[in-house]
Amino acid sequence: MPHNEFMRALILTVFLCGLTLIAAPPMTKLTVEVLSPSGKPVDRASVIVKFVKGREKLKLYKKNIKTWETKTNQEGLVKIPSIPQGTIQVQVIAANYQTFGDVFEVEEATKTIHVKLNNPQAQYSAHQKN
């Protein structure tokens, strides 16, 4: 084997060995369940998951994804692909309900976040005549 081919093979071997030493961050399969005040599933609610801490390790499709946006199914569920464990912010927006937002620590292999939306509050105006 010529010297150049040997060096390339050696470099490739060292590189591949180095890749196996880099541990993947612990991951979580996340589910968000969205319910109405009466406990019924909310279909087509917008769910936004923002990665607050740990997002620099999330690389899907060769992109550094910081936010995941999707809608609930008929059962009021959203399943997010495996994400790095850490701090996330969840926001839920649905017609005829108050917007929900909170921060969660994700430290388990699987986690379900249960969101119970509130009915909208009555609106008023400071300029409204009695």
Protein backbone atom coordinates (compact mmCIF):
# COMPACT_ATOMS: atom_id res chain seq x y z
CA MET A 1 0.00 0.00 0.00
CA PRO A 2 1.52 3.31 -1.00
CA HIS A 3 2.23 5.85 1.75
CA ASN A 4 -0.58 8.27 0.73
CA GLU A 5 -3.25 5.54 0.77
CA PHE A 6 -2.01 4.33 4.17
CA MET A 7 -2.21 7.86 5.60
CA ARG A 8 -5.75 8.34 4.24
CA ALA A 9 -6.86 5.02 5.74
CA LEU A 10 -5.24 5.94 9.08
CA ILE A 11 -6.91 9.37 9.17
CA LEU A 12 -10.29 7.85 8.28
CA THR A 13 -9.92 5.22 11.02
CA VAL A 14 -9.01 7.84 13.63
CA PHE A 15 -11.91 10.05 12.52
CA LEU A 16 -14.43 7.19 12.71
CA CYS A 17 -13.13 6.16 16.15
CA GLY A 18 -13.50 9.76 17.31
CA LEU A 19 -17.11 9.85 16.13
CA THR A 20 -18.00 6.85 18.27
CA LEU A 21 -16.53 8.58 21.34
CA ILE A 22 -18.80 11.59 20.95
CA ALA A 23 -21.88 10.74 23.00
CA ALA A 24 -25.25 11.82 21.71
CA PRO A 25 -27.14 14.03 24.15
CA PRO A 26 -29.93 12.34 26.11
CA MET A 27 -33.12 12.58 24.07
CA THR A 28 -36.85 12.76 24.89
CA LYS A 29 -39.90 11.71 22.90
CA LEU A 30 -42.32 14.56 23.64
CA THR A 31 -46.12 14.50 23.44
CA VAL A 32 -48.32 17.54 24.05
CA GLU A 33 -51.98 16.92 24.89
CA VAL A 34 -54.36 19.88 24.52
CA LEU A 35 -57.76 19.79 26.22
CA SER A 36 -60.69 22.19 26.48
CA PRO A 37 -61.92 23.42 29.90
CA SER A 38 -64.42 20.52 29.87
CA GLY A 39 -61.63 17.99 29.20
CA LYS A 40 -62.39 17.34 25.53
CA PRO A 41 -59.50 17.18 23.00
CA VAL A 42 -58.86 20.37 21.04
CA ASP A 43 -58.35 19.59 17.34
CA ARG A 44 -56.10 21.79 15.14
CA ALA A 45 -54.63 23.82 18.01
CA SER A 46 -51.26 25.35 17.08
CA VAL A 47 -48.46 24.03 19.28
CA ILE A 48 -45.09 25.78 19.27
CA VAL A 49 -42.13 24.23 21.09
CA LYS A 50 -39.13 26.51 21.48
CA PHE A 51 -35.82 25.09 22.66
CA VAL A 52 -34.48 27.35 25.41
CA LYS A 53 -31.57 25.21 26.62
CA GLY A 54 -30.10 22.27 24.74
CA ARG A 55 -31.22 23.53 21.32
CA GLU A 56 -27.66 23.81 20.05
CA LYS A 57 -27.55 20.01 20.09
CA LEU A 58 -30.72 19.55 18.03
CA LYS A 59 -29.81 19.04 14.41
CA LEU A 60 -32.48 17.62 12.19
CA TYR A 61 -32.05 17.41 8.46
CA LYS A 62 -28.67 19.15 8.80
CA LYS A 63 -30.32 22.30 10.19
CA ASN A 64 -30.09 23.74 13.67
CA ILE A 65 -33.78 23.79 14.62
CA LYS A 66 -34.74 26.15 17.46
CA THR A 67 -38.53 25.95 17.16
CA TRP A 68 -40.96 23.20 16.26
CA GLU A 69 -44.46 24.24 15.07
CA THR A 70 -47.35 21.87 14.40
CA LYS A 71 -51.08 21.32 15.03
CA THR A 72 -52.92 18.85 17.23
CA ASN A 73 -54.79 15.89 15.75
CA GLN A 74 -58.42 14.94 16.48
CA GLU A 75 -57.37 13.48 19.83
CA GLY A 76 -55.77 16.82 20.80
CA LEU A 77 -52.28 15.31 20.58
CA VAL A 78 -49.00 16.41 19.07
CA LYS A 79 -46.01 14.07 18.95
CA ILE A 80 -42.66 15.80 18.57
CA PRO A 81 -39.72 13.69 17.29
CA SER A 82 -36.94 13.01 19.75
CA ILE A 83 -35.50 16.24 21.13
CA PRO A 84 -32.50 16.87 23.39
CA GLN A 85 -33.32 17.01 27.06
CA GLY A 86 -33.26 20.47 28.58
CA THR A 87 -35.52 23.50 28.91
CA ILE A 88 -38.36 24.09 26.46
CA GLN A 89 -41.08 26.69 26.13
CA VAL A 90 -44.51 25.48 24.97
CA GLN A 91 -47.14 27.80 23.51
CA VAL A 92 -50.63 26.68 22.44
CA ILE A 93 -52.93 28.85 20.33
CA ALA A 94 -56.49 27.74 19.54
CA ALA A 95 -59.55 29.58 18.30
CA ASN A 96 -62.05 30.45 21.06
CA TYR A 97 -59.54 29.80 23.89
CA GLN A 98 -56.95 31.81 25.79
CA THR A 99 -53.39 31.37 24.55
CA PHE A 100 -51.32 29.09 26.80
CA GLY A 101 -47.59 29.42 27.43
CA ASP A 102 -45.19 27.90 29.97
CA VAL A 103 -41.63 26.67 30.40
CA PHE A 104 -40.85 23.01 31.11
CA GLU A 105 -37.78 20.98 32.06
CA VAL A 106 -37.53 17.84 29.95
CA GLU A 107 -35.36 15.23 31.66
CA GLU A 108 -37.11 11.92 30.88
CA ALA A 109 -36.88 9.52 27.95
CA THR A 110 -40.60 10.13 27.27
CA LYS A 111 -42.71 13.03 28.49
CA THR A 112 -46.31 14.11 28.01
CA ILE A 113 -47.25 17.71 28.73
CA HIS A 114 -50.95 18.12 29.50
CA VAL A 115 -52.36 21.55 28.59
CA LYS A 116 -55.88 22.50 29.67
CA LEU A 117 -56.94 25.65 27.88
CA ASN A 118 -59.16 28.33 29.44
CA ASN A 119 -62.17 30.02 27.90
CA PRO A 120 -61.50 33.57 26.69
CA GLN A 121 -62.02 36.40 29.13
CA ALA A 122 -64.58 39.07 28.43
CA GLN A 123 -63.05 42.01 26.59
CA TYR A 124 -63.62 45.59 27.55
CA SER A 125 -62.43 49.00 26.49
CA ALA A 126 -61.44 51.97 28.61
CA HIS A 127 -63.34 54.04 26.06
CA GLN A 128 -66.52 51.99 26.30
CA LYS A 129 -69.64 53.87 27.43
CA ASN A 130 -71.72 52.25 30.17
